[in-house]
PDB file of N, CA and C in Angstrom:
ATOM      1  N   UNK A   1       0.803  -1.411  -0.022  1.00  0.00           N
ATOM      2  CA  UNK A   1       0.144   0.222   0.269  1.00  0.00           C
ATOM      3  C   UNK A   1       1.035   0.930   0.080  1.00  0.00           C
ATOM      4  N   UNK A   2       0.705   2.094  -1.009  1.00  0.00           N
ATOM      5  CA  UNK A   2       1.587   3.935  -1.118  1.00  0.00           C
ATOM      6  C   UNK A   2       0.821   4.178   0.041  1.00  0.00           C
ATOM      7  N   UNK A   3       1.464   4.762   0.852  1.00  0.00           N
ATOM      8  CA  UNK A   3       1.468   5.838   1.888  1.00  0.00           C
ATOM      9  C   UNK A   3       0.963   7.186   1.590  1.00  0.00           C
ATOM     10  N   UNK A   4       2.190   7.532   1.075  1.00  0.00           N
ATOM     11  CA  UNK A   4       2.405   8.692   0.022  1.00  0.00           C
ATOM     12  C   UNK A   4       1.186   9.918  -0.164  1.00  0.00           C
ATOM     13  N   UNK A   5       0.825  10.756   0.298  1.00  0.00           N
ATOM     14  CA  UNK A   5      -0.222  11.387  -0.309  1.00  0.00           C
ATOM     15  C   UNK A   5       0.216  11.440  -1.160  1.00  0.00           C
ATOM     16  N   UNK A   6      -0.922  11.948  -2.243  1.00  0.00           N
ATOM     17  CA  UNK A   6      -0.747  12.590  -3.535  1.00  0.00           C
ATOM     18  C   UNK A   6      -2.371  13.325  -3.971  1.00  0.00           C
ATOM     19  N   UNK A   7      -1.867  14.547  -4.211  1.00  0.00           N
ATOM     20  CA  UNK A   7      -3.102  15.664  -4.695  1.00  0.00           C
ATOM     21  C   UNK A   7      -3.088  15.783  -6.104  1.00  0.00           C
ATOM     22  N   UNK A   8      -4.536  16.286  -6.100  1.00  0.00           N
ATOM     23  CA  UNK A   8      -4.989  16.020  -7.533  1.00  0.00           C
ATOM     24  C   UNK A   8      -5.991  17.931  -7.510  1.00  0.00           C
ATOM     25  N   UNK A   9      -5.550  18.483  -8.702  1.00  0.00           N
ATOM     26  CA  UNK A   9      -6.269  19.985  -8.383  1.00  0.00           C
ATOM     27  C   UNK A   9      -7.716  20.053  -9.171  1.00  0.00           C
ATOM     28  N   UNK A  10      -8.634  19.781  -9.359  1.00  0.00           N
ATOM     29  CA  UNK A  10      -9.749  20.608 -10.526  1.00  0.00           C
ATOM     30  C   UNK A  10     -10.512  21.514 -10.122  1.00  0.00           C
ATOM     31  N   UNK A  11     -10.981  22.170 -11.126  1.00  0.00           N
ATOM     32  CA  UNK A  11     -12.128  23.498 -11.101  1.00  0.00           C
ATOM     33  C   UNK A  11     -13.249  23.215 -11.341  1.00  0.00           C
ATOM     34  N   UNK A  12     -13.620  23.443 -11.125  1.00  0.00           N
ATOM     35  CA  UNK A  12     -15.512  23.260 -10.631  1.00  0.00           C
ATOM     36  C   UNK A  12     -16.375  23.962 -10.745  1.00  0.00           C
ATOM     37  N   UNK A  13     -17.886  24.174 -11.330  1.00  0.00           N
ATOM     38  CA  UNK A  13     -18.247  25.168 -11.219  1.00  0.00           C
ATOM     39  C   UNK A  13     -19.735  24.773 -10.824  1.00  0.00           C
ATOM     40  N   UNK A  14     -19.880  25.211  -9.878  1.00  0.00           N
ATOM     41  CA  UNK A  14     -21.372  24.655  -8.934  1.00  0.00           C
ATOM     42  C   UNK A  14     -22.156  26.282  -9.394  1.00  0.00           C
ATOM     43  N   UNK A  15     -22.963  27.050  -8.133  1.00  0.00           N
ATOM     44  CA  UNK A  15     -23.330  28.340  -8.167  1.00  0.00           C
ATOM     45  C   UNK A  15     -22.339  29.110  -8.025  1.00  0.00           C
ATOM     46  N   UNK A  16     -21.052  28.957  -7.412  1.00  0.00           N
ATOM     47  CA  UNK A  16     -19.956  29.623  -7.661  1.00  0.00           C
ATOM     48  C   UNK A  16     -18.571  28.561  -8.504  1.00  0.00           C
ATOM     49  N   UNK A  17     -17.339  29.274  -8.561  1.00  0.00           N
ATOM     50  CA  UNK A  17     -16.265  28.342  -8.705  1.00  0.00           C
ATOM     51  C   UNK A  17     -15.696  27.951  -7.523  1.00  0.00           C
ATOM     52  N   UNK A  18     -15.513  26.530  -7.360  1.00  0.00           N
ATOM     53  CA  UNK A  18     -15.283  25.783  -6.661  1.00  0.00           C
ATOM     54  C   UNK A  18     -13.548  25.103  -7.085  1.00  0.00           C
ATOM     55  N   UNK A  19     -12.719  24.464  -6.245  1.00  0.00           N
ATOM     56  CA  UNK A  19     -11.488  24.465  -5.939  1.00  0.00           C
ATOM     57  C   UNK A  19     -11.616  23.395  -5.723  1.00  0.00           C
ATOM     58  N   UNK A  20     -11.147  21.662  -6.269  1.00  0.00           N
ATOM     59  CA  UNK A  20     -11.615  20.639  -6.041  1.00  0.00           C
ATOM     60  C   UNK A  20     -10.130  20.207  -5.663  1.00  0.00           C
ATOM     61  N   UNK A  21      -9.982  19.637  -4.074  1.00  0.00           N
ATOM     62  CA  UNK A  21      -8.384  18.879  -4.068  1.00  0.00           C
ATOM     63  C   UNK A  21      -8.554  17.493  -3.562  1.00  0.00           C
ATOM     64  N   UNK A  22      -8.551  16.748  -4.597  1.00  0.00           N
ATOM     65  CA  UNK A  22      -8.258  15.207  -4.561  1.00  0.00           C
ATOM     66  C   UNK A  22      -7.801  14.694  -4.254  1.00  0.00           C
ATOM     67  N   UNK A  23      -7.382  13.973  -2.502  1.00  0.00           N
ATOM     68  CA  UNK A  23      -6.548  13.269  -1.971  1.00  0.00           C
ATOM     69  C   UNK A  23      -6.562  11.965  -2.087  1.00  0.00           C
ATOM     70  N   UNK A  24      -5.020  11.305  -2.044  1.00  0.00           N
ATOM     71  CA  UNK A  24      -5.572  10.040  -2.087  1.00  0.00           C
ATOM     72  C   UNK A  24      -4.036   9.580  -1.099  1.00  0.00           C
ATOM     73  N   UNK A  25      -4.033   8.763  -0.247  1.00  0.00           N
ATOM     74  CA  UNK A  25      -2.892   8.102   0.734  1.00  0.00           C
ATOM     75  C   UNK A  25      -3.535   8.683   1.899  1.00  0.00           C
ATOM     76  N   UNK A  26      -2.236   8.954   2.951  1.00  0.00           N
ATOM     77  CA  UNK A  26      -2.141   9.247   4.053  1.00  0.00           C
ATOM     78  C   UNK A  26      -2.104  10.764   4.039  1.00  0.00           C
ATOM     79  N   UNK A  27      -3.289  11.144   5.281  1.00  0.00           N
ATOM     80  CA  UNK A  27      -2.666  13.017   5.740  1.00  0.00           C
ATOM     81  C   UNK A  27      -2.606  12.636   7.259  1.00  0.00           C
ATOM     82  N   UNK A  28      -1.076  13.180   6.999  1.00  0.00           N
ATOM     83  CA  UNK A  28      -0.589  12.980   8.225  1.00  0.00           C
ATOM     84  C   UNK A  28       0.627  13.949   8.672  1.00  0.00           C
ATOM     85  N   UNK A  29       1.491  13.891   9.244  1.00  0.00           N
ATOM     86  CA  UNK A  29       2.712  14.961   9.392  1.00  0.00           C
ATOM     87  C   UNK A  29       3.263  14.967   8.322  1.00  0.00           C
ATOM     88  N   UNK A  30       3.860  13.673   7.256  1.00  0.00           N
ATOM     89  CA  UNK A  30       4.482  13.588   6.326  1.00  0.00           C
ATOM     90  C   UNK A  30       3.995  14.586   5.079  1.00  0.00           C
ATOM     91  N   UNK A  31       2.686  14.585   5.031  1.00  0.00           N
ATOM     92  CA  UNK A  31       2.031  14.995   4.235  1.00  0.00           C
ATOM     93  C   UNK A  31       1.296  16.648   4.777  1.00  0.00           C
ATOM     94  N   UNK A  32       1.220  16.684   5.399  1.00  0.00           N
ATOM     95  CA  UNK A  32       0.729  17.907   6.489  1.00  0.00           C
ATOM     96  C   UNK A  32       0.991  19.284   5.526  1.00  0.00           C
ATOM     97  N   UNK A  33       2.233  19.936   5.230  1.00  0.00           N
ATOM     98  CA  UNK A  33       2.546  20.367   4.588  1.00  0.00           C
ATOM     99  C   UNK A  33       2.202  20.526   2.707  1.00  0.00           C
ATOM    100  N   UNK A  34       2.114  19.370   1.973  1.00  0.00           N
ATOM    101  CA  UNK A  34       1.649  19.306   0.792  1.00  0.00           C
ATOM    102  C   UNK A  34      -0.129  20.007   0.739  1.00  0.00           C
ATOM    103  N   UNK A  35      -0.297  19.339   1.630  1.00  0.00           N
ATOM    104  CA  UNK A  35      -1.945  19.939   1.122  1.00  0.00           C
ATOM    105  C   UNK A  35      -2.070  21.398   1.557  1.00  0.00           C
ATOM    106  N   UNK A  36      -1.395  22.074   2.901  1.00  0.00           N
ATOM    107  CA  UNK A  36      -1.319  23.480   3.125  1.00  0.00           C
ATOM    108  C   UNK A  36      -0.723  24.283   1.849  1.00  0.00           C
ATOM    109  N   UNK A  37       0.658  23.316   1.112  1.00  0.00           N
ATOM    110  CA  UNK A  37       0.884  24.344  -0.151  1.00  0.00           C
ATOM    111  C   UNK A  37       0.044  24.079  -1.304  1.00  0.00           C
ATOM    112  N   UNK A  38      -0.946  22.964  -1.263  1.00  0.00           N
ATOM    113  CA  UNK A  38      -1.458  23.320  -2.529  1.00  0.00           C
ATOM    114  C   UNK A  38      -2.638  24.134  -2.624  1.00  0.00           C
ATOM    115  N   UNK A  39      -3.110  24.200  -1.091  1.00  0.00           N
ATOM    116  CA  UNK A  39      -4.432  25.270  -0.661  1.00  0.00           C
ATOM    117  C   UNK A  39      -3.974  26.353  -0.549  1.00  0.00           C
ATOM    118  N   UNK A  40      -2.814  27.103  -0.559  1.00  0.00           N
ATOM    119  CA  UNK A  40      -2.118  28.232  -0.661  1.00  0.00           C
ATOM    120  C   UNK A  40      -2.205  28.583  -2.379  1.00  0.00           C
ATOM    121  N   UNK A  41      -1.346  27.621  -2.812  1.00  0.00           N
ATOM    122  CA  UNK A  41      -1.520  28.100  -4.235  1.00  0.00           C
ATOM    123  C   UNK A  41      -2.674  28.632  -4.829  1.00  0.00           C
ATOM    124  N   UNK A  42      -3.570  27.426  -4.545  1.00  0.00           N
ATOM    125  CA  UNK A  42      -5.597  27.370  -4.888  1.00  0.00           C
ATOM    126  C   UNK A  42      -5.874  28.808  -4.301  1.00  0.00           C
ATOM    127  N   UNK A  43      -5.474  29.359  -3.022  1.00  0.00           N
ATOM    128  CA  UNK A  43      -5.994  30.674  -2.943  1.00  0.00           C
ATOM    129  C   UNK A  43      -5.335  31.756  -3.661  1.00  0.00           C
ATOM    130  N   UNK A  44      -3.916  31.346  -3.617  1.00  0.00           N
ATOM    131  CA  UNK A  44      -3.076  32.621  -4.576  1.00  0.00           C
ATOM    132  C   UNK A  44      -3.794  33.047  -5.629  1.00  0.00           C
ATOM    133  N   UNK A  45      -4.241  32.119  -6.167  1.00  0.00           N
ATOM    134  CA  UNK A  45      -4.262  31.903  -8.117  1.00  0.00           C
ATOM    135  C   UNK A  45      -6.196  32.044  -8.019  1.00  0.00           C
ATOM    136  N   UNK A  46      -6.077  32.788  -6.974  1.00  0.00           N
ATOM    137  CA  UNK A  46      -7.441  33.335  -6.882  1.00  0.00           C
ATOM    138  C   UNK A  46      -9.253  32.523  -6.511  1.00  0.00           C
ATOM    139  N   UNK A  47      -8.873  31.123  -5.931  1.00  0.00           N
ATOM    140  CA  UNK A  47      -9.694  30.472  -5.278  1.00  0.00           C
ATOM    141  C   UNK A  47     -10.324  30.628  -3.750  1.00  0.00           C
ATOM    142  N   UNK A  48     -11.800  30.904  -4.127  1.00  0.00           N
ATOM    143  CA  UNK A  48     -12.282  31.504  -2.805  1.00  0.00           C
ATOM    144  C   UNK A  48     -13.145  30.147  -1.921  1.00  0.00           C
ATOM    145  N   UNK A  49     -13.389  28.962  -3.145  1.00  0.00           N
ATOM    146  CA  UNK A  49     -14.324  27.920  -2.428  1.00  0.00           C
ATOM    147  C   UNK A  49     -13.163  26.867  -2.453  1.00  0.00           C
ATOM    148  N   UNK A  50     -13.236  26.070  -1.691  1.00  0.00           N
ATOM    149  CA  UNK A  50     -12.361  24.731  -1.332  1.00  0.00           C
ATOM    150  C   UNK A  50     -13.318  23.727  -1.461  1.00  0.00           C
ATOM    151  N   UNK A  51     -13.159  22.895  -1.496  1.00  0.00           N
ATOM    152  CA  UNK A  51     -13.556  20.881  -1.446  1.00  0.00           C
ATOM    153  C   UNK A  51     -12.790  20.234  -1.550  1.00  0.00           C
ATOM    154  N   UNK A  52     -12.105  19.865   0.002  1.00  0.00           N
ATOM    155  CA  UNK A  52     -11.445  18.836   0.027  1.00  0.00           C
ATOM    156  C   UNK A  52     -12.474  17.243  -0.187  1.00  0.00           C
ATOM    157  N   UNK A  53     -11.499  16.288  -1.247  1.00  0.00           N
ATOM    158  CA  UNK A  53     -12.088  15.046  -1.589  1.00  0.00           C
ATOM    159  C   UNK A  53     -11.645  14.203  -0.753  1.00  0.00           C
ATOM    160  N   UNK A  54     -12.270  13.695   0.220  1.00  0.00           N
ATOM    161  CA  UNK A  54     -11.299  12.413   1.110  1.00  0.00           C
ATOM    162  C   UNK A  54     -11.626  10.675   0.510  1.00  0.00           C
ATOM    163  N   UNK A  55     -12.230  10.718  -0.817  1.00  0.00           N
ATOM    164  CA  UNK A  55     -12.379   9.498  -0.843  1.00  0.00           C
ATOM    165  C   UNK A  55     -11.594   8.409  -0.658  1.00  0.00           C
ATOM    166  N   UNK A  56     -10.354   9.056  -1.286  1.00  0.00           N
ATOM    167  CA  UNK A  56      -9.373   7.969  -1.059  1.00  0.00           C
ATOM    168  C   UNK A  56      -8.057   8.152   0.628  1.00  0.00           C
ATOM    169  N   UNK A  57      -8.358   8.626   1.264  1.00  0.00           N
ATOM    170  CA  UNK A  57      -7.387   9.184   2.194  1.00  0.00           C
ATOM    171  C   UNK A  57      -7.799   7.790   3.385  1.00  0.00           C
ATOM    172  N   UNK A  58      -7.024   7.246   3.257  1.00  0.00           N
ATOM    173  CA  UNK A  58      -6.530   6.006   4.358  1.00  0.00           C
ATOM    174  C   UNK A  58      -6.947   6.025   5.704  1.00  0.00           C
ATOM    175  N   UNK A  59      -5.694   7.139   6.040  1.00  0.00           N
ATOM    176  CA  UNK A  59      -5.376   7.608   7.514  1.00  0.00           C
ATOM    177  C   UNK A  59      -5.743   8.871   7.631  1.00  0.00           C
ATOM    178  N   UNK A  60      -6.114   9.413   8.491  1.00  0.00           N
ATOM    179  CA  UNK A  60      -5.908  11.056   9.097  1.00  0.00           C
ATOM    180  C   UNK A  60      -5.751  10.928  10.712  1.00  0.00           C
ATOM    181  N   UNK A  61      -4.360  11.570  10.739  1.00  0.00           N
ATOM    182  CA  UNK A  61      -3.837  12.169  12.072  1.00  0.00           C
ATOM    183  C   UNK A  61      -4.228  13.206  12.206  1.00  0.00           C
ATOM    184  N   UNK A  62      -3.416  13.524  13.641  1.00  0.00           N
ATOM    185  CA  UNK A  62      -3.646  14.890  14.102  1.00  0.00           C
ATOM    186  C   UNK A  62      -3.502  15.691  13.794  1.00  0.00           C
ATOM    187  N   UNK A  63      -2.107  15.598  12.714  1.00  0.00           N
ATOM    188  CA  UNK A  63      -1.262  16.453  11.603  1.00  0.00           C
ATOM    189  C   UNK A  63      -2.259  16.961  10.733  1.00  0.00           C
ATOM    190  N   UNK A  64      -2.633  16.250  10.205  1.00  0.00           N
ATOM    191  CA  UNK A  64      -3.831  16.174   9.029  1.00  0.00           C
ATOM    192  C   UNK A  64      -5.068  16.701   9.651  1.00  0.00           C
ATOM    193  N   UNK A  65      -5.481  16.244  10.672  1.00  0.00           N
ATOM    194  CA  UNK A  65      -6.663  17.376  10.941  1.00  0.00           C
ATOM    195  C   UNK A  65      -5.838  18.966  11.471  1.00  0.00           C
ATOM    196  N   UNK A  66      -5.264  19.208  11.679  1.00  0.00           N
ATOM    197  CA  UNK A  66      -4.272  20.279  11.908  1.00  0.00           C
ATOM    198  C   UNK A  66      -4.386  20.945  10.676  1.00  0.00           C
ATOM    199  N   UNK A  67      -3.647  20.568   9.295  1.00  0.00           N
ATOM    200  CA  UNK A  67      -3.462  20.952   8.406  1.00  0.00           C
ATOM    201  C   UNK A  67      -5.246  21.343   7.980  1.00  0.00           C
ATOM    202  N   UNK A  68      -6.258  20.712   8.097  1.00  0.00           N
ATOM    203  CA  UNK A  68      -7.371  21.168   7.641  1.00  0.00           C
ATOM    204  C   UNK A  68      -7.513  22.251   7.667  1.00  0.00           C
ATOM    205  N   UNK A  69      -7.258  22.155   9.110  1.00  0.00           N
ATOM    206  CA  UNK A  69      -7.735  23.565  10.514  1.00  0.00           C
ATOM    207  C   UNK A  69      -7.084  24.383   9.655  1.00  0.00           C
ATOM    208  N   UNK A  70      -5.782  24.668   9.585  1.00  0.00           N
ATOM    209  CA  UNK A  70      -5.130  25.685   8.922  1.00  0.00           C
ATOM    210  C   UNK A  70      -6.025  26.154   7.459  1.00  0.00           C
ATOM    211  N   UNK A  71      -6.147  25.287   6.585  1.00  0.00           N
ATOM    212  CA  UNK A  71      -6.601  25.485   5.482  1.00  0.00           C
ATOM    213  C   UNK A  71      -8.364  26.454   5.421  1.00  0.00           C
ATOM    214  N   UNK A  72      -8.665  25.839   6.311  1.00  0.00           N
ATOM    215  CA  UNK A  72      -9.944  26.840   7.036  1.00  0.00           C
ATOM    216  C   UNK A  72     -10.139  27.939   6.953  1.00  0.00           C
ATOM    217  N   UNK A  73      -8.800  28.355   7.969  1.00  0.00           N
ATOM    218  CA  UNK A  73      -8.474  29.500   8.394  1.00  0.00           C
ATOM    219  C   UNK A  73      -8.083  30.455   7.269  1.00  0.00           C
ATOM    220  N   UNK A  74      -7.319  30.182   5.952  1.00  0.00           N
ATOM    221  CA  UNK A  74      -6.707  30.650   4.938  1.00  0.00           C
ATOM    222  C   UNK A  74      -7.920  30.829   3.897  1.00  0.00           C
ATOM    223  N   UNK A  75      -9.236  30.204   4.278  1.00  0.00           N
ATOM    224  CA  UNK A  75     -10.107  30.747   3.437  1.00  0.00           C
ATOM    225  C   UNK A  75     -11.134  31.342   3.913  1.00  0.00           C
ATOM    226  N   UNK A  76     -11.313  31.202   4.881  1.00  0.00           N
ATOM    227  CA  UNK A  76     -12.587  31.964   6.644  1.00  0.00           C
ATOM    228  C   UNK A  76     -12.254  33.172   6.649  1.00  0.00           C
ATOM    229  N   UNK A  77     -12.519  34.161   6.445  1.00  0.00           N
ATOM    230  CA  UNK A  77     -12.184  35.172   7.020  1.00  0.00           C
ATOM    231  C   UNK A  77     -12.668  35.525   7.887  1.00  0.00           C
ATOM    232  N   UNK A  78     -12.141  36.033   9.288  1.00  0.00           N
ATOM    233  CA  UNK A  78     -12.728  36.103  11.359  1.00  0.00           C
ATOM    234  C   UNK A  78     -14.143  36.409  10.960  1.00  0.00           C
ATOM    235  N   UNK A  79     -14.670  37.045  10.151  1.00  0.00           N
ATOM    236  CA  UNK A  79     -15.799  38.353  10.151  1.00  0.00           C
ATOM    237  C   UNK A  79     -16.979  36.621  10.000  1.00  0.00           C
ATOM    238  N   UNK A  80     -16.499  35.701   8.994  1.00  0.00           N
ATOM    239  CA  UNK A  80     -17.283  35.056   8.307  1.00  0.00           C
ATOM    240  C   UNK A  80     -17.540  33.990   8.916  1.00  0.00           C
ATOM    241  N   UNK A  81     -16.495  33.469  10.061  1.00  0.00           N
ATOM    242  CA  UNK A  81     -16.663  32.259  10.978  1.00  0.00           C
ATOM    243  C   UNK A  81     -18.324  31.818  11.011  1.00  0.00           C
ATOM    244  N   UNK A  82     -18.897  30.449  10.817  1.00  0.00           N
ATOM    245  CA  UNK A  82     -20.109  30.488  11.441  1.00  0.00           C
ATOM    246  C   UNK A  82     -21.069  31.216  10.195  1.00  0.00           C
ATOM    247  N   UNK A  83     -20.986  31.642   8.989  1.00  0.00           N
ATOM    248  CA  UNK A  83     -21.350  32.410   8.543  1.00  0.00           C
ATOM    249  C   UNK A  83     -21.359  31.582   7.039  1.00  0.00           C
ATOM    250  N   UNK A  84     -20.341  31.648   6.336  1.00  0.00           N
ATOM    251  CA  UNK A  84     -20.194  31.160   4.952  1.00  0.00           C
ATOM    252  C   UNK A  84     -19.165  29.710   4.845  1.00  0.00           C
ATOM    253  N   UNK A  85     -19.695  28.955   4.612  1.00  0.00           N
ATOM    254  CA  UNK A  85     -18.215  28.026   4.955  1.00  0.00           C
ATOM    255  C   UNK A  85     -17.728  28.105   3.495  1.00  0.00           C
ATOM    256  N   UNK A  86     -16.878  28.471   3.451  1.00  0.00           N
ATOM    257  CA  UNK A  86     -15.407  28.224   1.994  1.00  0.00           C
ATOM    258  C   UNK A  86     -15.115  27.159   1.867  1.00  0.00           C
ATOM    259  N   UNK A  87     -15.030  26.520   2.857  1.00  0.00           N
ATOM    260  CA  UNK A  87     -14.196  24.925   2.774  1.00  0.00           C
ATOM    261  C   UNK A  87     -15.069  23.877   3.408  1.00  0.00           C
ATOM    262  N   UNK A  88     -15.064  23.167   2.445  1.00  0.00           N
ATOM    263  CA  UNK A  88     -16.069  21.653   2.868  1.00  0.00           C
ATOM    264  C   UNK A  88     -14.869  20.516   2.339  1.00  0.00           C
ATOM    265  N   UNK A  89     -15.837  19.229   2.672  1.00  0.00           N
ATOM    266  CA  UNK A  89     -15.406  18.142   2.744  1.00  0.00           C
ATOM    267  C   UNK A  89     -16.428  16.907   2.250  1.00  0.00           C
ATOM    268  N   UNK A  90     -15.838  16.112   1.485  1.00  0.00           N
ATOM    269  CA  UNK A  90     -16.523  15.085   0.927  1.00  0.00           C
ATOM    270  C   UNK A  90     -16.282  14.175   0.769  1.00  0.00           C
ATOM    271  N   UNK A  91     -17.004  12.938   0.578  1.00  0.00           N
ATOM    272  CA  UNK A  91     -16.529  11.245   0.601  1.00  0.00           C
ATOM    273  C   UNK A  91     -15.821  10.984   1.449  1.00  0.00           C
ATOM    274  N   UNK A  92     -15.653  11.393   2.507  1.00  0.00           N
ATOM    275  CA  UNK A  92     -14.972  11.012   3.931  1.00  0.00           C
ATOM    276  C   UNK A  92     -15.460   9.435   4.068  1.00  0.00           C
ATOM    277  N   UNK A  93     -14.094   8.231   3.876  1.00  0.00           N
ATOM    278  CA  UNK A  93     -14.608   7.344   4.261  1.00  0.00           C
ATOM    279  C   UNK A  93     -14.834   6.949   5.632  1.00  0.00           C
ATOM    280  N   UNK A  94     -15.456   6.121   6.218  1.00  0.00           N
ATOM    281  CA  UNK A  94     -15.977   5.775   7.394  1.00  0.00           C
ATOM    282  C   UNK A  94     -14.734   5.991   8.645  1.00  0.00           C
ATOM    283  N   UNK A  95     -13.795   5.499   8.530  1.00  0.00           N
ATOM    284  CA  UNK A  95     -13.076   5.338   9.496  1.00  0.00           C
ATOM    285  C   UNK A  95     -12.457   7.338  10.072  1.00  0.00           C
ATOM    286  N   UNK A  96     -12.619   7.859   8.511  1.00  0.00           N
ATOM    287  CA  UNK A  96     -12.014   9.347   8.750  1.00  0.00           C
ATOM    288  C   UNK A  96     -13.296   9.704   8.965  1.00  0.00           C
ATOM    289  N   UNK A  97     -14.002   9.562   8.790  1.00  0.00           N
ATOM    290  CA  UNK A  97     -15.546  10.441   9.182  1.00  0.00           C
ATOM    291  C   UNK A  97     -15.984  10.382  10.729  1.00  0.00           C
ATOM    292  N   UNK A  98     -15.750   9.233  11.021  1.00  0.00           N
ATOM    293  CA  UNK A  98     -15.257   9.279  12.277  1.00  0.00           C
ATOM    294  C   UNK A  98     -14.799   9.965  13.094  1.00  0.00           C
ATOM    295  N   UNK A  99     -13.070   9.879  13.020  1.00  0.00           N
ATOM    296  CA  UNK A  99     -11.908  10.872  13.136  1.00  0.00           C
ATOM    297  C   UNK A  99     -12.308  12.301  13.034  1.00  0.00           C
ATOM    298  N   UNK A 100     -13.025  12.590  12.036  1.00  0.00           N
ATOM    299  CA  UNK A 100     -13.855  14.214  12.316  1.00  0.00           C
ATOM    300  C   UNK A 100     -15.026  14.651  13.137  1.00  0.00           C
ATOM    301  N   UNK A 101     -15.506  13.406  13.209  1.00  0.00           N
ATOM    302  CA  UNK A 101     -17.184  13.606  13.885  1.00  0.00           C
ATOM    303  C   UNK A 101     -16.119  13.432  15.514  1.00  0.00           C
ATOM    304  N   UNK A 102     -15.507  12.645  15.888  1.00  0.00           N
ATOM    305  CA  UNK A 102     -15.400  12.923  17.354  1.00  0.00           C
ATOM    306  C   UNK A 102     -14.646  13.696  17.829  1.00  0.00           C
ATOM    307  N   UNK A 103     -13.592  14.481  17.005  1.00  0.00           N
ATOM    308  CA  UNK A 103     -12.348  15.415  17.101  1.00  0.00           C
ATOM    309  C   UNK A 103     -14.056  16.664  17.101  1.00  0.00           C
ATOM    310  N   UNK A 104     -15.306  16.977  16.708  1.00  0.00           N
ATOM    311  CA  UNK A 104     -15.624  18.360  16.354  1.00  0.00           C
ATOM    312  C   UNK A 104     -15.439  19.193  15.205  1.00  0.00           C
ATOM    313  N   UNK A 105     -14.731  18.288  14.609  1.00  0.00           N
ATOM    314  CA  UNK A 105     -14.753  18.823  13.093  1.00  0.00           C
ATOM    315  C   UNK A 105     -15.786  19.808  11.950  1.00  0.00           C
ATOM    316  N   UNK A 106     -16.710  18.837  12.317  1.00  0.00           N
ATOM    317  CA  UNK A 106     -17.289  18.365  11.281  1.00  0.00           C
ATOM    318  C   UNK A 106     -18.781  19.552  12.167  1.00  0.00           C
ATOM    319  N   UNK A 107     -18.607  20.518  13.038  1.00  0.00           N
ATOM    320  CA  UNK A 107     -19.467  21.471  13.711  1.00  0.00           C
ATOM    321  C   UNK A 107     -18.767  22.422  12.544  1.00  0.00           C
ATOM    322  N   UNK A 108     -17.757  22.859  12.131  1.00  0.00           N
ATOM    323  CA  UNK A 108     -17.609  23.966  11.216  1.00  0.00           C
ATOM    324  C   UNK A 108     -17.083  23.569  10.606  1.00  0.00           C
ATOM    325  N   UNK A 109     -16.709  22.527   9.927  1.00  0.00           N
ATOM    326  CA  UNK A 109     -16.096  22.017   8.272  1.00  0.00           C
ATOM    327  C   UNK A 109     -17.111  20.735   8.296  1.00  0.00           C
ATOM    328  N   UNK A 110     -18.413  20.799   7.246  1.00  0.00           N
ATOM    329  CA  UNK A 110     -19.393  20.097   7.114  1.00  0.00           C
ATOM    330  C   UNK A 110     -18.488  18.870   5.778  1.00  0.00           C
ATOM    331  N   UNK A 111     -19.028  17.973   5.851  1.00  0.00           N
ATOM    332  CA  UNK A 111     -18.443  16.432   4.852  1.00  0.00           C
ATOM    333  C   UNK A 111     -20.058  16.281   4.323  1.00  0.00           C
ATOM    334  N   UNK A 112     -20.376  16.133   3.369  1.00  0.00           N
ATOM    335  CA  UNK A 112     -21.095  15.657   1.984  1.00  0.00           C
ATOM    336  C   UNK A 112     -20.517  14.377   1.802  1.00  0.00           C
ATOM    337  N   UNK A 113     -21.845  13.242   1.642  1.00  0.00           N
ATOM    338  CA  UNK A 113     -21.497  12.012   1.265  1.00  0.00           C
ATOM    339  C   UNK A 113     -20.925  11.995  -0.534  1.00  0.00           C
ATOM    340  N   UNK A 114     -20.998  12.874  -1.478  1.00  0.00           N
ATOM    341  CA  UNK A 114     -20.878  12.976  -2.691  1.00  0.00           C
ATOM    342  C   UNK A 114     -19.898  14.048  -2.686  1.00  0.00           C
ATOM    343  N   UNK A 115     -19.489  14.146  -3.721  1.00  0.00           N
ATOM    344  CA  UNK A 115     -19.012  15.516  -4.693  1.00  0.00           C
ATOM    345  C   UNK A 115     -20.190  16.277  -5.484  1.00  0.00           C
ATOM    346  N   UNK A 116     -20.913  15.869  -5.240  1.00  0.00           N
ATOM    347  CA  UNK A 116     -21.550  16.469  -6.215  1.00  0.00           C
ATOM    348  C   UNK A 116     -23.198  17.172  -5.455  1.00  0.00           C
ATOM    349  N   UNK A 117     -23.314  16.309  -3.796  1.00  0.00           N
ATOM    350  CA  UNK A 117     -23.941  17.490  -3.291  1.00  0.00           C
ATOM    351  C   UNK A 117     -22.850  18.611  -2.548  1.00  0.00           C
ATOM    352  N   UNK A 118     -22.008  18.651  -2.633  1.00  0.00           N
ATOM    353  CA  UNK A 118     -21.013  19.020  -1.621  1.00  0.00           C
ATOM    354  C   UNK A 118     -20.948  20.664  -2.365  1.00  0.00           C
ATOM    355  N   UNK A 119     -21.021  20.180  -4.281  1.00  0.00           N
ATOM    356  CA  UNK A 119     -21.264  21.755  -4.896  1.00  0.00           C
ATOM    357  C   UNK A 119     -21.990  22.183  -5.280  1.00  0.00           C
ATOM    358  N   UNK A 120     -22.950  21.382  -5.167  1.00  0.00           N
ATOM    359  CA  UNK A 120     -24.104  21.995  -5.036  1.00  0.00           C
ATOM    360  C   UNK A 120     -24.665  22.813  -3.402  1.00  0.00           C
ATOM    361  N   UNK A 121     -23.550  22.566  -2.766  1.00  0.00           N
ATOM    362  CA  UNK A 121     -24.226  23.438  -1.445  1.00  0.00           C
ATOM    363  C   UNK A 121     -23.249  24.601  -1.534  1.00  0.00           C
ATOM    364  N   UNK A 122     -22.595  25.072  -2.422  1.00  0.00           N
ATOM    365  CA  UNK A 122     -21.427  26.330  -2.515  1.00  0.00           C
ATOM    366  C   UNK A 122     -22.610  27.285  -2.453  1.00  0.00           C
ATOM    367  N   UNK A 123     -22.483  27.978  -1.853  1.00  0.00           N
ATOM    368  CA  UNK A 123     -23.127  29.594  -2.008  1.00  0.00           C
ATOM    369  C   UNK A 123     -22.517  31.186  -1.618  1.00  0.00           C
ATOM    370  N   UNK A 124     -22.899  32.044  -2.847  1.00  0.00           N
ATOM    371  CA  UNK A 124     -21.571  33.210  -2.245  1.00  0.00           C
ATOM    372  C   UNK A 124     -22.121  33.957  -0.764  1.00  0.00           C
TER     373      UNK A 124
END
């Protein structure tokens, strides 16, 4: 099993333009900076709505959760917390969904069962 994180980026259009990062592998201390760099690059290029596709994430550690939290802070202005969800998750496998739920992540960063339902949820 290849645990190295791989990230592919895709631009999609729902009611707003959404940058989708498809993750494959382990989101952990070794790959934390990769996710942050991909998110920073997207933000610098003008992305304001980000969807992180977790369908092929095998393991999510505390460092991976820290990376997701930093991405959330990058995309979400202080005055928008709890108002506009600019970062969302989708397709979290059961073991990853469980970790996100237990740690309270899903209170601020919603997870959707499908990529399409997540895309449909984005609003300006």
